[in-house]
PDB file of N, CA and C in Angstrom:
ATOM      1  N   MET A   1     111.779 139.659  30.303  1.00  0.00           N
ATOM      2  CA  MET A   1     112.260 139.323  31.631  1.00  0.00           C
ATOM      3  C   MET A   1     111.239 139.709  32.695  1.00  0.00           C
ATOM      4  N   THR A   2     110.613 140.868  32.513  1.00  0.00           N
ATOM      5  CA  THR A   2     109.620 141.328  33.473  1.00  0.00           C
ATOM      6  C   THR A   2     108.436 140.370  33.520  1.00  0.00           C
ATOM      7  N   ARG A   3     108.041 139.837  32.360  1.00  0.00           N
ATOM      8  CA  ARG A   3     106.918 138.896  32.307  1.00  0.00           C
ATOM      9  C   ARG A   3     107.249 137.616  33.070  1.00  0.00           C
ATOM     10  N   ILE A   4     108.479 137.190  32.992  1.00  0.00           N
ATOM     11  CA  ILE A   4     108.894 135.977  33.700  1.00  0.00           C
ATOM     12  C   ILE A   4     108.825 136.205  35.215  1.00  0.00           C
ATOM     13  N   VAL A   5     109.258 137.363  35.668  1.00  0.00           N
ATOM     14  CA  VAL A   5     109.224 137.691  37.096  1.00  0.00           C
ATOM     15  C   VAL A   5     107.781 137.777  37.569  1.00  0.00           C
ATOM     16  N   ILE A   6     106.927 138.412  36.762  1.00  0.00           N
ATOM     17  CA  ILE A   6     105.507 138.524  37.118  1.00  0.00           C
ATOM     18  C   ILE A   6     104.870 137.137  37.161  1.00  0.00           C
ATOM     19  N   ALA A   7     105.150 136.311  36.160  1.00  0.00           N
ATOM     20  CA  ALA A   7     104.596 134.956  36.124  1.00  0.00           C
ATOM     21  C   ALA A   7     105.089 134.145  37.328  1.00  0.00           C
ATOM     22  N   ALA A   8     106.357 134.277  37.651  1.00  0.00           N
ATOM     23  CA  ALA A   8     106.900 133.559  38.808  1.00  0.00           C
ATOM     24  C   ALA A   8     106.246 134.046  40.096  1.00  0.00           C
ATOM     25  N   GLY A   9     106.008 135.337  40.190  1.00  0.00           N
ATOM     26  CA  GLY A   9     105.336 135.902  41.365  1.00  0.00           C
ATOM     27  C   GLY A   9     103.913 135.388  41.493  1.00  0.00           C
ATOM     28  N   ILE A  10     103.208 135.307  40.364  1.00  0.00           N
ATOM     29  CA  ILE A  10     101.834 134.792  40.375  1.00  0.00           C
ATOM     30  C   ILE A  10     101.826 133.322  40.788  1.00  0.00           C
ATOM     31  N   ILE A  11     102.730 132.547  40.226  1.00  0.00           N
ATOM     32  CA  ILE A  11     102.813 131.117  40.577  1.00  0.00           C
ATOM     33  C   ILE A  11     103.141 130.956  42.062  1.00  0.00           C
ATOM     34  N   LEU A  12     104.053 131.761  42.563  1.00  0.00           N
ATOM     35  CA  LEU A  12     104.407 131.707  43.980  1.00  0.00           C
ATOM     36  C   LEU A  12     103.210 132.082  44.850  1.00  0.00           C
ATOM     37  N   ALA A  13     102.483 133.123  44.461  1.00  0.00           N
ATOM     38  CA  ALA A  13     101.309 133.546  45.228  1.00  0.00           C
ATOM     39  C   ALA A  13     100.246 132.450  45.240  1.00  0.00           C
ATOM     40  N   ILE A  14     100.010 131.836  44.086  1.00  0.00           N
ATOM     41  CA  ILE A  14      99.032 130.741  44.014  1.00  0.00           C
ATOM     42  C   ILE A  14      99.479 129.581  44.910  1.00  0.00           C
ATOM     43  N   GLY A  15     100.754 129.265  44.873  1.00  0.00           N
ATOM     44  CA  GLY A  15     101.285 128.193  45.727  1.00  0.00           C
ATOM     45  C   GLY A  15     101.093 128.490  47.206  1.00  0.00           C
ATOM     46  N   LEU A  16     101.340 129.736  47.596  1.00  0.00           N
ATOM     47  CA  LEU A  16     101.160 130.115  48.999  1.00  0.00           C
ATOM     48  C   LEU A  16      99.696 130.032  49.418  1.00  0.00           C
ATOM     49  N   VAL A  17      98.796 130.471  48.544  1.00  0.00           N
ATOM     50  CA  VAL A  17      97.360 130.395  48.846  1.00  0.00           C
ATOM     51  C   VAL A  17      96.928 128.939  48.981  1.00  0.00           C
ATOM     52  N   LEU A  18      97.391 128.092  48.068  1.00  0.00           N
ATOM     53  CA  LEU A  18      97.034 126.672  48.138  1.00  0.00           C
ATOM     54  C   LEU A  18      97.588 126.025  49.408  1.00  0.00           C
ATOM     55  N   ALA A  19      98.808 126.348  49.763  1.00  0.00           N
ATOM     56  CA  ALA A  19      99.405 125.779  50.980  1.00  0.00           C
ATOM     57  C   ALA A  19      98.646 126.232  52.223  1.00  0.00           C
ATOM     58  N   ALA A  20      98.299 127.515  52.271  1.00  0.00           N
ATOM     59  CA  ALA A  20      97.551 128.032  53.420  1.00  0.00           C
ATOM     60  C   ALA A  20      96.178 127.371  53.520  1.00  0.00           C
ATOM     61  N   THR A  21      95.522 127.200  52.380  1.00  0.00           N
ATOM     62  CA  THR A  21      94.208 126.553  52.363  1.00  0.00           C
ATOM     63  C   THR A  21      94.312 125.108  52.821  1.00  0.00           C
ATOM     64  N   TYR A  22      95.329 124.413  52.368  1.00  0.00           N
ATOM     65  CA  TYR A  22      95.541 123.017  52.762  1.00  0.00           C
ATOM     66  C   TYR A  22      95.744 122.912  54.273  1.00  0.00           C
ATOM     67  N   HIS A  23      96.601 123.759  54.814  1.00  0.00           N
ATOM     68  CA  HIS A  23      96.887 123.704  56.250  1.00  0.00           C
ATOM     69  C   HIS A  23      95.664 124.096  57.075  1.00  0.00           C
ATOM     70  N   GLN A  24      94.874 125.027  56.584  1.00  0.00           N
ATOM     71  CA  GLN A  24      93.646 125.401  57.286  1.00  0.00           C
ATOM     72  C   GLN A  24      92.689 124.213  57.319  1.00  0.00           C
ATOM     73  N   GLY A  25      92.576 123.521  56.210  1.00  0.00           N
ATOM     74  CA  GLY A  25      91.723 122.329  56.154  1.00  0.00           C
ATOM     75  C   GLY A  25      92.201 121.253  57.113  1.00  0.00           C
ATOM     76  N   GLN A  26      93.515 121.083  57.208  1.00  0.00           N
ATOM     77  CA  GLN A  26      94.074 120.101  58.138  1.00  0.00           C
ATOM     78  C   GLN A  26      93.730 120.463  59.581  1.00  0.00           C
ATOM     79  N   ARG A  27      93.860 121.740  59.921  1.00  0.00           N
ATOM     80  CA  ARG A  27      93.547 122.183  61.285  1.00  0.00           C
ATOM     81  C   ARG A  27      92.068 121.989  61.586  1.00  0.00           C
ATOM     82  N   GLN A  28      91.205 122.281  60.616  1.00  0.00           N
ATOM     83  CA  GLN A  28      89.770 122.102  60.833  1.00  0.00           C
ATOM     84  C   GLN A  28      89.428 120.629  61.017  1.00  0.00           C
ATOM     85  N   GLU A  29      90.066 119.773  60.240  1.00  0.00           N
ATOM     86  CA  GLU A  29      89.833 118.332  60.364  1.00  0.00           C
ATOM     87  C   GLU A  29      90.296 117.829  61.728  1.00  0.00           C
ATOM     88  N   GLN A  30      91.440 118.305  62.185  1.00  0.00           N
ATOM     89  CA  GLN A  30      91.937 117.900  63.502  1.00  0.00           C
ATOM     90  C   GLN A  30      91.006 118.383  64.607  1.00  0.00           C
ATOM     91  N   ALA A  31      90.489 119.604  64.468  1.00  0.00           N
ATOM     92  CA  ALA A  31      89.568 120.137  65.471  1.00  0.00           C
ATOM     93  C   ALA A  31      88.269 119.334  65.493  1.00  0.00           C
ATOM     94  N   ALA A  32      87.775 118.965  64.320  1.00  0.00           N
ATOM     95  CA  ALA A  32      86.548 118.170  64.250  1.00  0.00           C
ATOM     96  C   ALA A  32      86.762 116.789  64.863  1.00  0.00           C
ATOM     97  N   THR A  33      87.906 116.200  64.614  1.00  0.00           N
ATOM     98  CA  THR A  33      88.221 114.889  65.194  1.00  0.00           C
ATOM     99  C   THR A  33      88.328 114.985  66.712  1.00  0.00           C
ATOM    100  N   ALA A  34      88.975 116.020  67.200  1.00  0.00           N
ATOM    101  CA  ALA A  34      89.105 116.205  68.650  1.00  0.00           C
ATOM    102  C   ALA A  34      87.737 116.402  69.294  1.00  0.00           C
ATOM    103  N   ALA A  35      86.858 117.157  68.642  1.00  0.00           N
ATOM    104  CA  ALA A  35      85.513 117.372  69.179  1.00  0.00           C
ATOM    105  C   ALA A  35      84.721 116.068  69.197  1.00  0.00           C
ATOM    106  N   ALA A  36      84.834 115.275  68.147  1.00  0.00           N
ATOM    107  CA  ALA A  36      84.134 113.985  68.098  1.00  0.00           C
ATOM    108  C   ALA A  36      84.660 113.052  69.185  1.00  0.00           C
ATOM    109  N   ASN A  37      85.962 113.050  69.396  1.00  0.00           N
ATOM    110  CA  ASN A  37      86.545 112.221  70.456  1.00  0.00           C
ATOM    111  C   ASN A  37      86.064 112.668  71.831  1.00  0.00           C
ATOM    112  N   ALA A  38      85.966 113.969  72.032  1.00  0.00           N
ATOM    113  CA  ALA A  38      85.488 114.487  73.316  1.00  0.00           C
ATOM    114  C   ALA A  38      84.035 114.088  73.552  1.00  0.00           C
ATOM    115  N   ARG A  39      83.204 114.154  72.502  1.00  0.00           N
ATOM    116  CA  ARG A  39      81.797 113.736  72.646  1.00  0.00           C
ATOM    117  C   ARG A  39      81.704 112.252  72.966  1.00  0.00           C
ATOM    118  N   ALA A  40      82.494 111.439  72.288  1.00  0.00           N
ATOM    119  CA  ALA A  40      82.479 109.991  72.533  1.00  0.00           C
ATOM    120  C   ALA A  40      82.934 109.684  73.958  1.00  0.00           C
ATOM    121  N   LEU A  41      83.957 110.365  74.424  1.00  0.00           N
ATOM    122  CA  LEU A  41      84.444 110.151  75.783  1.00  0.00           C
ATOM    123  C   LEU A  41      83.383 110.548  76.806  1.00  0.00           C
ATOM    124  N   THR A  42      82.694 111.650  76.558  1.00  0.00           N
ATOM    125  CA  THR A  42      81.629 112.088  77.456  1.00  0.00           C
ATOM    126  C   THR A  42      80.526 111.043  77.539  1.00  0.00           C
ATOM    127  N   GLU A  43      80.147 110.474  76.407  1.00  0.00           N
ATOM    128  CA  GLU A  43      79.121 109.425  76.399  1.00  0.00           C
ATOM    129  C   GLU A  43      79.593 108.190  77.156  1.00  0.00           C
ATOM    130  N   GLN A  44      80.850 107.821  76.991  1.00  0.00           N
ATOM    131  CA  GLN A  44      81.384 106.664  77.705  1.00  0.00           C
ATOM    132  C   GLN A  44      81.384 106.901  79.209  1.00  0.00           C
ATOM    133  N   ILE A  45      81.715 108.109  79.616  1.00  0.00           N
ATOM    134  CA  ILE A  45      81.714 108.436  81.046  1.00  0.00           C
ATOM    135  C   ILE A  45      80.297 108.370  81.598  1.00  0.00           C
ATOM    136  N   LYS A  46      79.318 108.892  80.843  1.00  0.00           N
ATOM    137  CA  LYS A  46      77.919 108.826  81.286  1.00  0.00           C
ATOM    138  C   LYS A  46      77.465 107.379  81.417  1.00  0.00           C
ATOM    139  N   ASP A  47      77.778 106.566  80.409  1.00  0.00           N
ATOM    140  CA  ASP A  47      77.396 105.152  80.451  1.00  0.00           C
ATOM    141  C   ASP A  47      78.038 104.458  81.644  1.00  0.00           C
ATOM    142  N   ARG A  48      79.292 104.729  81.875  1.00  0.00           N
ATOM    143  CA  ARG A  48      79.997 104.105  82.996  1.00  0.00           C
ATOM    144  C   ARG A  48      79.381 104.544  84.319  1.00  0.00           C
ATOM    145  N   SER A  49      78.984 105.789  84.409  1.00  0.00           N
ATOM    146  CA  SER A  49      78.367 106.293  85.629  1.00  0.00           C
ATOM    147  C   SER A  49      77.058 105.559  85.918  1.00  0.00           C
ATOM    148  N   LEU A  50      76.274 105.305  84.874  1.00  0.00           N
ATOM    149  CA  LEU A  50      75.023 104.562  85.057  1.00  0.00           C
ATOM    150  C   LEU A  50      75.299 103.140  85.535  1.00  0.00           C
ATOM    151  N   ILE A  51      76.291 102.502  84.951  1.00  0.00           N
ATOM    152  CA  ILE A  51      76.660 101.141  85.369  1.00  0.00           C
ATOM    153  C   ILE A  51      77.138 101.150  86.820  1.00  0.00           C
ATOM    154  N   ASP A  52      77.965 102.128  87.168  1.00  0.00           N
ATOM    155  CA  ASP A  52      78.450 102.226  88.545  1.00  0.00           C
ATOM    156  C   ASP A  52      77.285 102.385  89.520  1.00  0.00           C
ATOM    157  N   ASP A  53      76.302 103.224  89.169  1.00  0.00           N
ATOM    158  CA  ASP A  53      75.135 103.418  90.028  1.00  0.00           C
ATOM    159  C   ASP A  53      74.368 102.115  90.211  1.00  0.00           C
ATOM    160  N   GLN A  54      74.183 101.372  89.127  1.00  0.00           N
ATOM    161  CA  GLN A  54      73.468 100.096  89.217  1.00  0.00           C
ATOM    162  C   GLN A  54      74.215  99.115  90.113  1.00  0.00           C
ATOM    163  N   VAL A  55      75.510  99.018  89.941  1.00  0.00           N
ATOM    164  CA  VAL A  55      76.309  98.087  90.744  1.00  0.00           C
ATOM    165  C   VAL A  55      76.301  98.501  92.212  1.00  0.00           C
ATOM    166  N   ASN A  56      76.399  99.790  92.475  1.00  0.00           N
ATOM    167  CA  ASN A  56      76.418 100.267  93.861  1.00  0.00           C
ATOM    168  C   ASN A  56      75.101 100.006  94.580  1.00  0.00           C
ATOM    169  N   ARG A  57      73.998  99.930  93.846  1.00  0.00           N
ATOM    170  CA  ARG A  57      72.691  99.667  94.459  1.00  0.00           C
ATOM    171  C   ARG A  57      72.427  98.178  94.654  1.00  0.00           C
ATOM    172  N   MET A  58      73.231  97.324  94.065  1.00  0.00           N
ATOM    173  CA  MET A  58      73.008  95.879  94.169  1.00  0.00           C
ATOM    174  C   MET A  58      73.422  95.367  95.547  1.00  0.00           C
ATOM    175  N   SER A  59      72.693  94.355  95.999  1.00  0.00           N
ATOM    176  CA  SER A  59      73.108  93.673  97.226  1.00  0.00           C
ATOM    177  C   SER A  59      74.315  92.798  96.892  1.00  0.00           C
ATOM    178  N   VAL A  60      74.975  92.330  97.917  1.00  0.00           N
ATOM    179  CA  VAL A  60      76.159  91.501  97.709  1.00  0.00           C
ATOM    180  C   VAL A  60      75.780  90.221  96.970  1.00  0.00           C
ATOM    181  N   SER A  61      74.654  89.614  97.341  1.00  0.00           N
ATOM    182  CA  SER A  61      74.240  88.372  96.676  1.00  0.00           C
ATOM    183  C   SER A  61      73.857  88.629  95.218  1.00  0.00           C
ATOM    184  N   ASP A  62      73.193  89.763  94.953  1.00  0.00           N
ATOM    185  CA  ASP A  62      72.849  90.098  93.563  1.00  0.00           C
ATOM    186  C   ASP A  62      74.107  90.368  92.739  1.00  0.00           C
ATOM    187  N   LEU A  63      75.070  91.032  93.344  1.00  0.00           N
ATOM    188  CA  LEU A  63      76.330  91.295  92.653  1.00  0.00           C
ATOM    189  C   LEU A  63      77.049  89.983  92.348  1.00  0.00           C
ATOM    190  N   CYS A  64      77.026  89.075  93.294  1.00  0.00           N
ATOM    191  CA  CYS A  64      77.638  87.759  93.088  1.00  0.00           C
ATOM    192  C   CYS A  64      76.987  87.062  91.897  1.00  0.00           C
ATOM    193  N   ALA A  65      75.654  87.060  91.866  1.00  0.00           N
ATOM    194  CA  ALA A  65      74.935  86.417  90.761  1.00  0.00           C
ATOM    195  C   ALA A  65      75.211  87.137  89.446  1.00  0.00           C
ATOM    196  N   GLY A  66      75.279  88.457  89.501  1.00  0.00           N
ATOM    197  CA  GLY A  66      75.554  89.235  88.296  1.00  0.00           C
ATOM    198  C   GLY A  66      76.920  88.943  87.706  1.00  0.00           C
ATOM    199  N   LEU A  67      77.838  88.546  88.556  1.00  0.00           N
ATOM    200  CA  LEU A  67      79.187  88.202  88.096  1.00  0.00           C
ATOM    201  C   LEU A  67      79.319  86.727  87.743  1.00  0.00           C
ATOM    202  N   GLY A  68      78.197  86.006  87.831  1.00  0.00           N
ATOM    203  CA  GLY A  68      78.217  84.597  87.438  1.00  0.00           C
ATOM    204  C   GLY A  68      78.483  83.633  88.579  1.00  0.00           C
ATOM    205  N   GLY A  69      78.521  84.142  89.799  1.00  0.00           N
ATOM    206  CA  GLY A  69      78.764  83.279  90.949  1.00  0.00           C
ATOM    207  C   GLY A  69      77.464  82.794  91.567  1.00  0.00           C
ATOM    208  N   VAL A  70      77.613  81.998  92.591  1.00  0.00           N
ATOM    209  CA  VAL A  70      76.464  81.483  93.340  1.00  0.00           C
ATOM    210  C   VAL A  70      76.673  81.866  94.798  1.00  0.00           C
ATOM    211  N   TRP A  71      75.650  82.504  95.390  1.00  0.00           N
ATOM    212  CA  TRP A  71      75.732  82.926  96.785  1.00  0.00           C
ATOM    213  C   TRP A  71      75.355  81.741  97.661  1.00  0.00           C
ATOM    214  N   ARG A  72      76.330  81.271  98.429  1.00  0.00           N
ATOM    215  CA  ARG A  72      76.098  80.093  99.256  1.00  0.00           C
ATOM    216  C   ARG A  72      76.836  80.270 100.581  1.00  0.00           C
ATOM    217  N   ASP A  73      76.131  80.073 101.657  1.00  0.00           N
ATOM    218  CA  ASP A  73      76.716  80.144 103.007  1.00  0.00           C
ATOM    219  C   ASP A  73      77.411  81.476 103.264  1.00  0.00           C
ATOM    220  N   GLY A  74      76.807  82.553 102.777  1.00  0.00           N
ATOM    221  CA  GLY A  74      77.342  83.885 103.036  1.00  0.00           C
ATOM    222  C   GLY A  74      78.565  84.259 102.230  1.00  0.00           C
ATOM    223  N   THR A  75      78.897  83.451 101.227  1.00  0.00           N
ATOM    224  CA  THR A  75      80.035  83.792 100.365  1.00  0.00           C
ATOM    225  C   THR A  75      79.664  83.565  98.903  1.00  0.00           C
ATOM    226  N   CYS A  76      80.360  84.244  98.067  1.00  0.00           N
ATOM    227  CA  CYS A  76      80.155  84.096  96.624  1.00  0.00           C
ATOM    228  C   CYS A  76      81.086  83.002  96.123  1.00  0.00           C
ATOM    229  N   GLN A  77      80.497  82.029  95.472  1.00  0.00           N
ATOM    230  CA  GLN A  77      81.297  80.902  94.975  1.00  0.00           C
ATOM    231  C   GLN A  77      81.143  80.775  93.478  1.00  0.00           C
TER     232      GLN A  77
END
C-alpha cells in the first residue's frame, strides 16, 4: 500500500512539473508574440510618419498629381 501511495505521489509530482513547464512555455510564447507585435507597430508608425512628412511638404498641385488628379484652373480635377 505504501508503494502505491509513493508511486501516486511521484506521478502527481511529475504531472505538476509538466503542467507548470507547459504554462511557463505558453507565457513565454505570448510575451514573445506581444514583443514582436510591438516592434511591428513601431515600424508601421515610423513608416507612416515618413509618409506624413512627405505629404506635408508637397505643394497642393503636387499632392493633386500624387493622388491621380490633374491641377487645372486652381483646382484638382
